[in-house]
Amino acid sequence: MNSPLLQGGTRRRPGRGRRMAVVMLALLAVGAVVAYLAVAQDDGGDLPVASAGGPRVPSRADVEAPTRPATQVPPGISIVGPNAFNVRLKSGKPRAALVYDMKTGRVLYKRHPLRRLPMASLTKIMTALIVVDETRSSDKARISRHALGYSGSGVGVLPKAKKVPVEGLLAGLLLPSGNDAAIALAEHVSGSERRFVRTMNRRARKLGLRCTKFVSPHGLEPGNRTCAADLAAMSRMAMDEPRIARLVRRKQVATRFPIKGGRLFVNSTNPLLRRRYRGTIGLKTGYNEKAGRCFVGVVRRGRRELGVVLLHSPDTGTQAKQLLTAAFKAGRA
């Protein structure tokens, strides 16, 4: 065994260790620059190709909310390659944005796709996925006192202690983003909010949604966090569920309900549906002070079906229209 790594008494020429250290430091510096450029490209192409002002300096937001490695992109979503189109968004930049092909999962436009951010009521996409997986459309759920003690947005007319159709609660969850409906559905499926949240997090891990964490079924708290790429994956699964897809494409849903008049009317908060943006078929809005305005939208035109994710956007309706219009035009080029 003549290896110098195993012979503690092997002598070295004077100065060799110092030269080796200098070489190693140089290699590490080069590696750091390459890694930074790769992350910037995967994070939405924020580095300009050429700039008179020199290289981009990482902002405080980059430091406070670092992007995960691209190897942790959720299954079914591909963020490889440059943006397929360029667009100058009105009203300021969102904290994260994504445009993607709903059928293939290929990302066409990205801005910070893996940055973990609060998601507000976009949480309810996962809530709905679990509900349709664990219930039948004919099921009924009892409304507890706890469900009526909700905060934030709600259906507002749920009858205490009565059994109501799960489909009506699902409509109230997805269209007006009812927190009371979210609590009632969580209790129906798991017996309590806490047990339902554990199910949500187990499902997220099983699906490979590595930047997603839930602390409630409605998303009122800022502890509900995700990234644009994970939301894209969730939206593709949601739109494959007929019970969800049937509801989120409509501006208003009326369903039989044990209240005065016998019917529950709920209206969608989807800004694309409200603006009659052609081909809109989904999906969900969200807002709280920490998360800002959030949105996942889905539009189908001909054989193409595109999704858009916006997190902490100054104007979800306008920016979603800009991004989707540019994406459809780019597809015809």
C-alpha atoms as a PDB file:
ATOM      1  CA  MET A   1       0.000   0.000   0.000  1.00  0.00           C
ATOM      2  CA  ASN A   2       2.112   2.919  -1.256  1.00  0.00           C
ATOM      3  CA  SER A   3      -0.654   5.526  -1.518  1.00  0.00           C
ATOM      4  CA  PRO A   4       0.377   8.807   0.104  1.00  0.00           C
ATOM      5  CA  LEU A   5      -3.212   9.111   1.442  1.00  0.00           C
ATOM      6  CA  LEU A   6      -2.476   6.137   3.716  1.00  0.00           C
ATOM      7  CA  GLN A   7       1.100   6.973   4.687  1.00  0.00           C
ATOM      8  CA  GLY A   8       1.042   9.596   7.401  1.00  0.00           C
ATOM      9  CA  GLY A   9       4.810  10.147   7.149  1.00  0.00           C
ATOM     10  CA  THR A  10       4.891  11.003   3.440  1.00  0.00           C
ATOM     11  CA  ARG A  11       6.741  14.284   2.917  1.00  0.00           C
ATOM     12  CA  ARG A  12       5.507  17.055   0.636  1.00  0.00           C
ATOM     13  CA  ARG A  13       7.474  19.661  -1.201  1.00  0.00           C
ATOM     14  CA  PRO A  14       7.380  23.074   0.534  1.00  0.00           C
ATOM     15  CA  GLY A  15       4.522  25.324  -0.755  1.00  0.00           C
ATOM     16  CA  ARG A  16       2.545  22.575  -2.473  1.00  0.00           C
ATOM     17  CA  GLY A  17      -0.295  22.706   0.072  1.00  0.00           C
ATOM     18  CA  ARG A  18      -0.640  26.452  -0.427  1.00  0.00           C
ATOM     19  CA  ARG A  19      -0.803  26.090  -4.209  1.00  0.00           C
ATOM     20  CA  MET A  20      -3.434  23.370  -3.888  1.00  0.00           C
ATOM     21  CA  ALA A  21      -5.540  25.597  -1.629  1.00  0.00           C
ATOM     22  CA  VAL A  22      -5.440  28.443  -4.163  1.00  0.00           C
ATOM     23  CA  VAL A  23      -6.519  26.088  -6.967  1.00  0.00           C
ATOM     24  CA  MET A  24      -9.400  24.694  -4.888  1.00  0.00           C
ATOM     25  CA  LEU A  25     -10.631  28.189  -4.002  1.00  0.00           C
ATOM     26  CA  ALA A  26     -10.600  29.172  -7.677  1.00  0.00           C
ATOM     27  CA  LEU A  27     -12.598  26.068  -8.651  1.00  0.00           C
ATOM     28  CA  LEU A  28     -15.137  26.724  -5.904  1.00  0.00           C
ATOM     29  CA  ALA A  29     -15.572  30.306  -7.092  1.00  0.00           C
ATOM     30  CA  VAL A  30     -16.216  29.183 -10.674  1.00  0.00           C
ATOM     31  CA  GLY A  31     -18.691  26.562  -9.456  1.00  0.00           C
ATOM     32  CA  ALA A  32     -20.586  29.147  -7.413  1.00  0.00           C
ATOM     33  CA  VAL A  33     -20.966  31.445 -10.450  1.00  0.00           C
ATOM     34  CA  VAL A  34     -22.233  28.567 -12.620  1.00  0.00           C
ATOM     35  CA  ALA A  35     -24.725  27.460  -9.947  1.00  0.00           C
ATOM     36  CA  TYR A  36     -26.017  31.026  -9.531  1.00  0.00           C
ATOM     37  CA  LEU A  37     -26.570  31.435 -13.276  1.00  0.00           C
ATOM     38  CA  ALA A  38     -28.396  28.075 -13.470  1.00  0.00           C
ATOM     39  CA  VAL A  39     -30.743  28.940 -10.608  1.00  0.00           C
ATOM     40  CA  ALA A  40     -31.455  32.377 -12.075  1.00  0.00           C
ATOM     41  CA  GLN A  41     -32.390  30.801 -15.400  1.00  0.00           C
ATOM     42  CA  ASP A  42     -34.675  28.227 -13.763  1.00  0.00           C
ATOM     43  CA  ASP A  43     -36.206  30.942 -11.598  1.00  0.00           C
ATOM     44  CA  GLY A  44     -37.758  32.846 -14.412  1.00  0.00           C
ATOM     45  CA  GLY A  45     -34.895  34.283 -16.398  1.00  0.00           C
ATOM     46  CA  ASP A  46     -34.495  37.403 -14.248  1.00  0.00           C
ATOM     47  CA  LEU A  47     -30.869  37.808 -15.325  1.00  0.00           C
ATOM     48  CA  PRO A  48     -30.735  39.996 -18.451  1.00  0.00           C
ATOM     49  CA  VAL A  49     -28.872  38.635 -21.455  1.00  0.00           C
ATOM     50  CA  ALA A  50     -26.899  41.859 -21.659  1.00  0.00           C
ATOM     51  CA  SER A  51     -27.051  44.884 -19.399  1.00  0.00           C
ATOM     52  CA  ALA A  52     -25.116  48.118 -19.251  1.00  0.00           C
ATOM     53  CA  GLY A  53     -25.573  48.066 -15.501  1.00  0.00           C
ATOM     54  CA  GLY A  54     -23.602  44.859 -15.031  1.00  0.00           C
ATOM     55  CA  PRO A  55     -24.797  41.567 -13.506  1.00  0.00           C
ATOM     56  CA  ARG A  56     -27.944  41.413 -11.444  1.00  0.00           C
ATOM     57  CA  VAL A  57     -27.510  41.766  -7.696  1.00  0.00           C
ATOM     58  CA  PRO A  58     -29.692  39.383  -5.662  1.00  0.00           C
ATOM     59  CA  SER A  59     -32.511  41.274  -3.953  1.00  0.00           C
ATOM     60  CA  ARG A  60     -33.559  40.899  -0.343  1.00  0.00           C
ATOM     61  CA  ALA A  61     -36.504  38.788  -1.517  1.00  0.00           C
ATOM     62  CA  ASP A  62     -34.058  36.358  -3.143  1.00  0.00           C
ATOM     63  CA  VAL A  63     -32.268  35.972   0.178  1.00  0.00           C
ATOM     64  CA  GLU A  64     -35.421  35.709   2.297  1.00  0.00           C
ATOM     65  CA  ALA A  65     -37.186  33.260  -0.020  1.00  0.00           C
ATOM     66  CA  PRO A  66     -34.537  31.104  -1.714  1.00  0.00           C
ATOM     67  CA  THR A  67     -35.523  28.967  -4.646  1.00  0.00           C
ATOM     68  CA  ARG A  68     -35.375  25.196  -4.332  1.00  0.00           C
ATOM     69  CA  PRO A  69     -33.188  23.195  -6.714  1.00  0.00           C
ATOM     70  CA  ALA A  70     -34.884  22.442 -10.037  1.00  0.00           C
ATOM     71  CA  THR A  71     -34.503  18.718  -9.328  1.00  0.00           C
ATOM     72  CA  GLN A  72     -37.402  19.067  -6.859  1.00  0.00           C
ATOM     73  CA  VAL A  73     -39.976  20.120  -9.439  1.00  0.00           C
ATOM     74  CA  PRO A  74     -43.212  18.168  -8.817  1.00  0.00           C
ATOM     75  CA  PRO A  75     -43.924  15.152 -11.028  1.00  0.00           C
ATOM     76  CA  GLY A  76     -45.718  16.026 -14.248  1.00  0.00           C
ATOM     77  CA  ILE A  77     -44.343  19.582 -14.454  1.00  0.00           C
ATOM     78  CA  SER A  78     -41.360  20.532 -16.644  1.00  0.00           C
ATOM     79  CA  ILE A  79     -39.666  23.905 -16.197  1.00  0.00           C
ATOM     80  CA  VAL A  80     -36.634  23.144 -18.378  1.00  0.00           C
ATOM     81  CA  GLY A  81     -35.684  25.728 -20.992  1.00  0.00           C
ATOM     82  CA  PRO A  82     -36.255  29.441 -21.554  1.00  0.00           C
ATOM     83  CA  ASN A  83     -39.625  31.187 -21.561  1.00  0.00           C
ATOM     84  CA  ALA A  84     -41.587  30.590 -24.772  1.00  0.00           C
ATOM     85  CA  PHE A  85     -42.664  34.245 -24.884  1.00  0.00           C
ATOM     86  CA  ASN A  86     -41.920  37.590 -23.312  1.00  0.00           C
ATOM     87  CA  VAL A  87     -44.456  39.935 -21.757  1.00  0.00           C
ATOM     88  CA  ARG A  88     -44.258  43.157 -19.763  1.00  0.00           C
ATOM     89  CA  LEU A  89     -46.813  42.770 -17.017  1.00  0.00           C
ATOM     90  CA  LYS A  90     -48.948  45.753 -16.076  1.00  0.00           C
ATOM     91  CA  SER A  91     -49.274  47.037 -12.506  1.00  0.00           C
ATOM     92  CA  GLY A  92     -45.965  45.553 -11.308  1.00  0.00           C
ATOM     93  CA  LYS A  93     -44.494  42.081 -10.997  1.00  0.00           C
ATOM     94  CA  PRO A  94     -46.060  39.209  -9.033  1.00  0.00           C
ATOM     95  CA  ARG A  95     -43.845  37.381  -6.574  1.00  0.00           C
ATOM     96  CA  ALA A  96     -44.252  34.227  -8.658  1.00  0.00           C
ATOM     97  CA  ALA A  97     -45.928  33.338 -11.933  1.00  0.00           C
ATOM     98  CA  LEU A  98     -46.294  30.354 -14.228  1.00  0.00           C
ATOM     99  CA  VAL A  99     -47.996  29.557 -17.538  1.00  0.00           C
ATOM    100  CA  TYR A 100     -48.148  25.893 -18.504  1.00  0.00           C
ATOM    101  CA  ASP A 101     -49.774  23.363 -20.792  1.00  0.00           C
ATOM    102  CA  MET A 102     -52.483  21.587 -18.814  1.00  0.00           C
ATOM    103  CA  LYS A 103     -52.195  18.424 -20.919  1.00  0.00           C
ATOM    104  CA  THR A 104     -48.417  17.939 -20.895  1.00  0.00           C
ATOM    105  CA  GLY A 105     -47.287  19.932 -17.844  1.00  0.00           C
ATOM    106  CA  ARG A 106     -44.713  21.819 -19.927  1.00  0.00           C
ATOM    107  CA  VAL A 107     -44.051  25.293 -18.527  1.00  0.00           C
ATOM    108  CA  LEU A 108     -44.172  28.069 -21.128  1.00  0.00           C
ATOM    109  CA  TYR A 109     -43.409  31.014 -18.858  1.00  0.00           C
ATOM    110  CA  LYS A 110     -41.940  31.122 -15.381  1.00  0.00           C
ATOM    111  CA  ARG A 111     -41.041  33.635 -12.732  1.00  0.00           C
ATOM    112  CA  HIS A 112     -39.696  32.186  -9.479  1.00  0.00           C
ATOM    113  CA  PRO A 113     -41.508  28.846 -10.057  1.00  0.00           C
ATOM    114  CA  LEU A 114     -40.068  27.167  -6.946  1.00  0.00           C
ATOM    115  CA  ARG A 115     -40.199  30.044  -4.482  1.00  0.00           C
ATOM    116  CA  ARG A 116     -42.193  29.068  -1.376  1.00  0.00           C
ATOM    117  CA  LEU A 117     -44.916  31.610  -0.648  1.00  0.00           C
ATOM    118  CA  PRO A 118     -48.224  31.837   1.256  1.00  0.00           C
ATOM    119  CA  MET A 119     -51.095  30.618  -0.934  1.00  0.00           C
ATOM    120  CA  ALA A 120     -54.212  31.848   0.919  1.00  0.00           C
ATOM    121  CA  SER A 121     -57.387  30.143  -0.358  1.00  0.00           C
ATOM    122  CA  LEU A 122     -55.583  28.306  -3.153  1.00  0.00           C
ATOM    123  CA  THR A 123     -55.248  25.839  -0.273  1.00  0.00           C
ATOM    124  CA  LYS A 124     -58.808  24.823  -1.094  1.00  0.00           C
ATOM    125  CA  ILE A 125     -57.664  23.117  -4.310  1.00  0.00           C
ATOM    126  CA  MET A 126     -56.105  20.367  -2.186  1.00  0.00           C
ATOM    127  CA  THR A 127     -59.128  20.377   0.132  1.00  0.00           C
ATOM    128  CA  ALA A 128     -61.372  19.751  -2.872  1.00  0.00           C
ATOM    129  CA  LEU A 129     -59.108  16.990  -4.211  1.00  0.00           C
ATOM    130  CA  ILE A 130     -59.346  15.081  -0.941  1.00  0.00           C
ATOM    131  CA  VAL A 131     -63.096  15.654  -0.616  1.00  0.00           C
ATOM    132  CA  VAL A 132     -63.894  14.227  -4.060  1.00  0.00           C
ATOM    133  CA  ASP A 133     -61.569  11.307  -3.352  1.00  0.00           C
ATOM    134  CA  GLU A 134     -63.156  10.485   0.015  1.00  0.00           C
ATOM    135  CA  THR A 135     -66.865  11.177  -0.629  1.00  0.00           C
ATOM    136  CA  ARG A 136     -69.666  10.453  -3.061  1.00  0.00           C
ATOM    137  CA  SER A 137     -71.708  13.165  -4.759  1.00  0.00           C
ATOM    138  CA  SER A 138     -74.813  11.964  -2.896  1.00  0.00           C
ATOM    139  CA  ASP A 139     -73.224  12.326   0.576  1.00  0.00           C
ATOM    140  CA  LYS A 140     -74.442  14.758   3.204  1.00  0.00           C
ATOM    141  CA  ALA A 141     -72.411  16.500   5.921  1.00  0.00           C
ATOM    142  CA  ARG A 142     -73.592  17.848   9.265  1.00  0.00           C
ATOM    143  CA  ILE A 143     -72.865  21.512   9.992  1.00  0.00           C
ATOM    144  CA  SER A 144     -71.168  21.906  13.373  1.00  0.00           C
ATOM    145  CA  ARG A 145     -70.940  24.924  15.655  1.00  0.00           C
ATOM    146  CA  HIS A 146     -67.227  25.023  14.884  1.00  0.00           C
ATOM    147  CA  ALA A 147     -67.886  25.422  11.146  1.00  0.00           C
ATOM    148  CA  LEU A 148     -70.118  28.420  11.864  1.00  0.00           C
ATOM    149  CA  GLY A 149     -67.361  30.073  13.912  1.00  0.00           C
ATOM    150  CA  TYR A 150     -65.228  30.713  10.828  1.00  0.00           C
ATOM    151  CA  SER A 151     -63.320  33.896   9.928  1.00  0.00           C
ATOM    152  CA  GLY A 152     -62.923  35.545   6.535  1.00  0.00           C
ATOM    153  CA  SER A 153     -64.999  34.653   3.484  1.00  0.00           C
ATOM    154  CA  GLY A 154     -67.862  32.202   3.825  1.00  0.00           C
ATOM    155  CA  VAL A 155     -71.037  30.825   2.312  1.00  0.00           C
ATOM    156  CA  GLY A 156     -72.730  32.387   5.316  1.00  0.00           C
ATOM    157  CA  VAL A 157     -76.065  30.554   5.367  1.00  0.00           C
ATOM    158  CA  LEU A 158     -75.065  27.068   6.518  1.00  0.00           C
ATOM    159  CA  PRO A 159     -77.788  25.715   8.841  1.00  0.00           C
ATOM    160  CA  LYS A 160     -76.440  24.687  12.261  1.00  0.00           C
ATOM    161  CA  ALA A 161     -76.722  20.979  13.156  1.00  0.00           C
ATOM    162  CA  LYS A 162     -78.434  20.104   9.883  1.00  0.00           C
ATOM    163  CA  LYS A 163     -77.159  17.739   7.209  1.00  0.00           C
ATOM    164  CA  VAL A 164     -76.465  19.411   3.876  1.00  0.00           C
ATOM    165  CA  PRO A 165     -75.352  18.069   0.468  1.00  0.00           C
ATOM    166  CA  VAL A 166     -71.596  17.707   0.129  1.00  0.00           C
ATOM    167  CA  GLU A 167     -71.873  18.949  -3.482  1.00  0.00           C
ATOM    168  CA  GLY A 168     -73.371  22.214  -2.227  1.00  0.00           C
ATOM    169  CA  LEU A 169     -70.497  22.612   0.234  1.00  0.00           C
ATOM    170  CA  LEU A 170     -68.028  21.815  -2.548  1.00  0.00           C
ATOM    171  CA  ALA A 171     -69.564  24.589  -4.660  1.00  0.00           C
ATOM    172  CA  GLY A 172     -69.358  26.944  -1.684  1.00  0.00           C
ATOM    173  CA  LEU A 173     -65.726  25.955  -1.177  1.00  0.00           C
ATOM    174  CA  LEU A 174     -64.582  26.531  -4.768  1.00  0.00           C
ATOM    175  CA  LEU A 175     -66.647  29.450  -6.094  1.00  0.00           C
ATOM    176  CA  PRO A 176     -67.040  32.039  -3.275  1.00  0.00           C
ATOM    177  CA  SER A 177     -64.144  30.411  -1.358  1.00  0.00           C
ATOM    178  CA  GLY A 178     -66.162  29.679   1.779  1.00  0.00           C
ATOM    179  CA  ASN A 179     -64.044  29.016   4.863  1.00  0.00           C
ATOM    180  CA  ASP A 180     -67.139  27.664   6.634  1.00  0.00           C
ATOM    181  CA  ALA A 181     -67.582  25.143   3.807  1.00  0.00           C
ATOM    182  CA  ALA A 182     -63.918  24.122   4.111  1.00  0.00           C
ATOM    183  CA  ILE A 183     -64.277  23.425   7.837  1.00  0.00           C
ATOM    184  CA  ALA A 184     -67.547  21.512   7.379  1.00  0.00           C
ATOM    185  CA  LEU A 185     -66.043  19.330   4.643  1.00  0.00           C
ATOM    186  CA  ALA A 186     -62.868  18.683   6.650  1.00  0.00           C
ATOM    187  CA  GLU A 187     -64.918  17.566   9.659  1.00  0.00           C
ATOM    188  CA  HIS A 188     -67.099  15.369   7.465  1.00  0.00           C
ATOM    189  CA  VAL A 189     -64.138  13.589   5.871  1.00  0.00           C
ATOM    190  CA  SER A 190     -61.769  13.284   8.852  1.00  0.00           C
ATOM    191  CA  GLY A 191     -63.770  14.103  11.982  1.00  0.00           C
ATOM    192  CA  SER A 192     -61.753  17.251  12.734  1.00  0.00           C
ATOM    193  CA  GLU A 193     -59.759  19.978  11.005  1.00  0.00           C
ATOM    194  CA  ARG A 194     -56.516  18.756  12.583  1.00  0.00           C
ATOM    195  CA  ARG A 195     -56.871  15.221  11.247  1.00  0.00           C
ATOM    196  CA  PHE A 196     -57.874  16.549   7.816  1.00  0.00           C
ATOM    197  CA  VAL A 197     -54.766  18.757   7.677  1.00  0.00           C
ATOM    198  CA  ARG A 198     -52.619  15.708   8.415  1.00  0.00           C
ATOM    199  CA  THR A 199     -54.281  14.010   5.452  1.00  0.00           C
ATOM    200  CA  MET A 200     -53.559  17.065   3.282  1.00  0.00           C
ATOM    201  CA  ASN A 201     -49.864  16.988   4.146  1.00  0.00           C
ATOM    202  CA  ARG A 202     -49.614  13.224   3.620  1.00  0.00           C
ATOM    203  CA  ARG A 203     -51.224  13.656   0.211  1.00  0.00           C
ATOM    204  CA  ALA A 204     -48.812  16.474  -0.678  1.00  0.00           C
ATOM    205  CA  ARG A 205     -45.815  14.287   0.205  1.00  0.00           C
ATOM    206  CA  LYS A 206     -47.226  11.342  -1.729  1.00  0.00           C
ATOM    207  CA  LEU A 207     -47.714  13.535  -4.805  1.00  0.00           C
ATOM    208  CA  GLY A 208     -44.177  14.925  -4.601  1.00  0.00           C
ATOM    209  CA  LEU A 209     -45.268  18.496  -3.749  1.00  0.00           C
ATOM    210  CA  ARG A 210     -42.116  19.269  -1.805  1.00  0.00           C
ATOM    211  CA  CYS A 211     -42.583  22.972  -1.214  1.00  0.00           C
ATOM    212  CA  THR A 212     -46.184  22.599  -0.028  1.00  0.00           C
ATOM    213  CA  LYS A 213     -47.300  22.629   3.606  1.00  0.00           C
ATOM    214  CA  PHE A 214     -50.784  22.980   5.049  1.00  0.00           C
ATOM    215  CA  VAL A 215     -51.902  24.142   8.492  1.00  0.00           C
ATOM    216  CA  SER A 216     -55.628  24.490   7.718  1.00  0.00           C
ATOM    217  CA  PRO A 217     -58.141  23.346   5.079  1.00  0.00           C
ATOM    218  CA  HIS A 218     -59.012  26.929   4.056  1.00  0.00           C
ATOM    219  CA  GLY A 219     -55.722  28.857   3.914  1.00  0.00           C
ATOM    220  CA  LEU A 220     -56.587  31.797   6.139  1.00  0.00           C
ATOM    221  CA  GLU A 221     -53.259  31.450   7.958  1.00  0.00           C
ATOM    222  CA  PRO A 222     -49.931  32.367   6.277  1.00  0.00           C
ATOM    223  CA  GLY A 223     -48.541  28.969   7.353  1.00  0.00           C
ATOM    224  CA  ASN A 224     -50.192  27.433   4.285  1.00  0.00           C
ATOM    225  CA  ARG A 225     -47.308  27.643   1.802  1.00  0.00           C
ATOM    226  CA  THR A 226     -46.537  26.352  -1.656  1.00  0.00           C
ATOM    227  CA  CYS A 227     -44.875  27.344  -4.926  1.00  0.00           C
ATOM    228  CA  ALA A 228     -46.182  28.026  -8.422  1.00  0.00           C
ATOM    229  CA  ALA A 229     -44.891  24.693  -9.764  1.00  0.00           C
ATOM    230  CA  ASP A 230     -46.700  22.700  -7.067  1.00  0.00           C
ATOM    231  CA  LEU A 231     -49.913  24.635  -7.738  1.00  0.00           C
ATOM    232  CA  ALA A 232     -49.614  23.805 -11.428  1.00  0.00           C
ATOM    233  CA  ALA A 233     -49.421  20.115 -10.514  1.00  0.00           C
ATOM    234  CA  MET A 234     -52.427  20.415  -8.191  1.00  0.00           C
ATOM    235  CA  SER A 235     -54.471  22.246 -10.836  1.00  0.00           C
ATOM    236  CA  ARG A 236     -53.865  19.505 -13.396  1.00  0.00           C
ATOM    237  CA  MET A 237     -55.162  16.913 -10.935  1.00  0.00           C
ATOM    238  CA  ALA A 238     -58.137  19.089  -9.966  1.00  0.00           C
ATOM    239  CA  MET A 239     -59.262  19.623 -13.558  1.00  0.00           C
ATOM    240  CA  ASP A 240     -59.127  15.855 -14.124  1.00  0.00           C
ATOM    241  CA  GLU A 241     -61.795  15.430 -11.434  1.00  0.00           C
ATOM    242  CA  PRO A 242     -65.258  15.786 -13.049  1.00  0.00           C
ATOM    243  CA  ARG A 243     -66.911  16.931  -9.800  1.00  0.00           C
ATOM    244  CA  ILE A 244     -64.437  19.810  -9.517  1.00  0.00           C
ATOM    245  CA  ALA A 245     -64.225  20.689 -13.215  1.00  0.00           C
ATOM    246  CA  ARG A 246     -68.020  20.838 -13.509  1.00  0.00           C
ATOM    247  CA  LEU A 247     -68.219  23.498 -10.778  1.00  0.00           C
ATOM    248  CA  VAL A 248     -65.232  25.753 -11.433  1.00  0.00           C
ATOM    249  CA  ARG A 249     -66.187  26.507 -15.045  1.00  0.00           C
ATOM    250  CA  ARG A 250     -69.396  28.267 -13.948  1.00  0.00           C
ATOM    251  CA  LYS A 251     -69.993  31.856 -12.828  1.00  0.00           C
ATOM    252  CA  GLN A 252     -72.886  30.794 -10.602  1.00  0.00           C
ATOM    253  CA  VAL A 253     -74.132  27.525  -9.171  1.00  0.00           C
ATOM    254  CA  ALA A 254     -77.569  26.873  -7.688  1.00  0.00           C
ATOM    255  CA  THR A 255     -78.081  23.702  -5.692  1.00  0.00           C
ATOM    256  CA  ARG A 256     -80.761  22.275  -3.423  1.00  0.00           C
ATOM    257  CA  PHE A 257     -80.054  23.145   0.184  1.00  0.00           C
ATOM    258  CA  PRO A 258     -82.013  22.971   3.480  1.00  0.00           C
ATOM    259  CA  ILE A 259     -82.354  26.742   3.857  1.00  0.00           C
ATOM    260  CA  LYS A 260     -85.134  29.249   3.256  1.00  0.00           C
ATOM    261  CA  GLY A 261     -86.124  29.028  -0.402  1.00  0.00           C
ATOM    262  CA  GLY A 262     -84.666  25.540  -0.696  1.00  0.00           C
ATOM    263  CA  ARG A 263     -81.728  26.527  -2.896  1.00  0.00           C
ATOM    264  CA  LEU A 264     -78.181  27.747  -2.333  1.00  0.00           C
ATOM    265  CA  PHE A 265     -76.803  30.254  -4.844  1.00  0.00           C
ATOM    266  CA  VAL A 266     -73.026  30.804  -4.966  1.00  0.00           C
ATOM    267  CA  ASN A 267     -71.030  33.037  -7.311  1.00  0.00           C
ATOM    268  CA  SER A 268     -67.498  32.546  -8.596  1.00  0.00           C
ATOM    269  CA  THR A 269     -64.710  34.973  -7.695  1.00  0.00           C
ATOM    270  CA  ASN A 270     -62.693  33.926 -10.800  1.00  0.00           C
ATOM    271  CA  PRO A 271     -61.653  37.223 -12.479  1.00  0.00           C
ATOM    272  CA  LEU A 272     -61.406  35.594 -15.927  1.00  0.00           C
ATOM    273  CA  LEU A 273     -64.990  34.331 -15.712  1.00  0.00           C
ATOM    274  CA  ARG A 274     -66.162  37.721 -14.488  1.00  0.00           C
ATOM    275  CA  ARG A 275     -64.420  39.440 -17.416  1.00  0.00           C
ATOM    276  CA  ARG A 276     -65.805  36.851 -19.860  1.00  0.00           C
ATOM    277  CA  TYR A 277     -62.328  35.874 -21.011  1.00  0.00           C
ATOM    278  CA  ARG A 278     -62.926  33.442 -23.855  1.00  0.00           C
ATOM    279  CA  GLY A 279     -62.456  29.760 -23.043  1.00  0.00           C
ATOM    280  CA  THR A 280     -62.189  30.108 -19.236  1.00  0.00           C
ATOM    281  CA  ILE A 281     -62.980  26.821 -17.453  1.00  0.00           C
ATOM    282  CA  GLY A 282     -61.450  27.321 -13.973  1.00  0.00           C
ATOM    283  CA  LEU A 283     -60.136  27.479 -11.299  1.00  0.00           C
ATOM    284  CA  LYS A 284     -59.580  29.314  -7.937  1.00  0.00           C
ATOM    285  CA  THR A 285     -58.758  32.642  -6.301  1.00  0.00           C
ATOM    286  CA  GLY A 286     -57.141  33.418  -2.971  1.00  0.00           C
ATOM    287  CA  TYR A 287     -56.354  36.436  -0.823  1.00  0.00           C
ATOM    288  CA  ASN A 288     -55.078  37.371   2.591  1.00  0.00           C
ATOM    289  CA  GLU A 289     -52.791  40.156   3.775  1.00  0.00           C
ATOM    290  CA  LYS A 290     -49.662  38.003   3.850  1.00  0.00           C
ATOM    291  CA  ALA A 291     -50.255  36.151   0.566  1.00  0.00           C
ATOM    292  CA  GLY A 292     -51.665  39.078  -1.380  1.00  0.00           C
ATOM    293  CA  ARG A 293     -53.869  38.301  -4.354  1.00  0.00           C
ATOM    294  CA  CYS A 294     -53.370  34.781  -5.721  1.00  0.00           C
ATOM    295  CA  PHE A 295     -54.957  32.982  -8.640  1.00  0.00           C
ATOM    296  CA  VAL A 296     -54.929  29.747 -10.609  1.00  0.00           C
ATOM    297  CA  GLY A 297     -56.759  30.035 -13.924  1.00  0.00           C
ATOM    298  CA  VAL A 298     -57.438  27.531 -16.704  1.00  0.00           C
ATOM    299  CA  VAL A 299     -58.455  28.385 -20.275  1.00  0.00           C
ATOM    300  CA  ARG A 300     -59.275  26.064 -23.180  1.00  0.00           C
ATOM    301  CA  ARG A 301     -59.220  27.189 -26.809  1.00  0.00           C
ATOM    302  CA  GLY A 302     -59.538  24.565 -29.485  1.00  0.00           C
ATOM    303  CA  ARG A 303     -57.170  21.724 -28.673  1.00  0.00           C
ATOM    304  CA  ARG A 304     -55.015  23.837 -26.364  1.00  0.00           C
ATOM    305  CA  GLU A 305     -55.612  24.060 -22.633  1.00  0.00           C
ATOM    306  CA  LEU A 306     -53.374  26.404 -20.636  1.00  0.00           C
ATOM    307  CA  GLY A 307     -53.065  27.169 -16.953  1.00  0.00           C
ATOM    308  CA  VAL A 308     -51.739  30.249 -15.187  1.00  0.00           C
ATOM    309  CA  VAL A 309     -50.550  30.672 -11.597  1.00  0.00           C
ATOM    310  CA  LEU A 310     -50.062  34.065  -9.935  1.00  0.00           C
ATOM    311  CA  LEU A 311     -48.843  34.496  -6.356  1.00  0.00           C
ATOM    312  CA  HIS A 312     -48.946  37.884  -4.644  1.00  0.00           C
ATOM    313  CA  SER A 313     -50.043  39.687  -7.810  1.00  0.00           C
ATOM    314  CA  PRO A 314     -51.074  43.357  -7.859  1.00  0.00           C
ATOM    315  CA  ASP A 315     -53.866  42.551 -10.354  1.00  0.00           C
ATOM    316  CA  THR A 316     -54.635  38.887 -10.986  1.00  0.00           C
ATOM    317  CA  GLY A 317     -57.296  39.447 -13.637  1.00  0.00           C
ATOM    318  CA  THR A 318     -55.241  41.773 -15.823  1.00  0.00           C
ATOM    319  CA  GLN A 319     -51.990  39.839 -15.458  1.00  0.00           C
ATOM    320  CA  ALA A 320     -53.636  36.460 -16.075  1.00  0.00           C
ATOM    321  CA  LYS A 321     -55.180  37.804 -19.304  1.00  0.00           C
ATOM    322  CA  GLN A 322     -51.839  39.249 -20.431  1.00  0.00           C
ATOM    323  CA  LEU A 323     -49.967  36.013 -19.821  1.00  0.00           C
ATOM    324  CA  LEU A 324     -52.548  33.708 -21.353  1.00  0.00           C
ATOM    325  CA  THR A 325     -53.101  35.903 -24.405  1.00  0.00           C
ATOM    326  CA  ALA A 326     -49.346  36.003 -25.034  1.00  0.00           C
ATOM    327  CA  ALA A 327     -49.103  32.231 -24.561  1.00  0.00           C
ATOM    328  CA  PHE A 328     -51.900  31.486 -27.055  1.00  0.00           C
ATOM    329  CA  LYS A 329     -50.342  33.863 -29.593  1.00  0.00           C
ATOM    330  CA  ALA A 330     -46.930  32.261 -29.148  1.00  0.00           C
ATOM    331  CA  GLY A 331     -48.473  28.853 -29.831  1.00  0.00           C
ATOM    332  CA  ARG A 332     -49.687  30.033 -33.228  1.00  0.00           C
ATOM    333  CA  ALA A 333     -46.291  31.418 -34.220  1.00  0.00           C
END
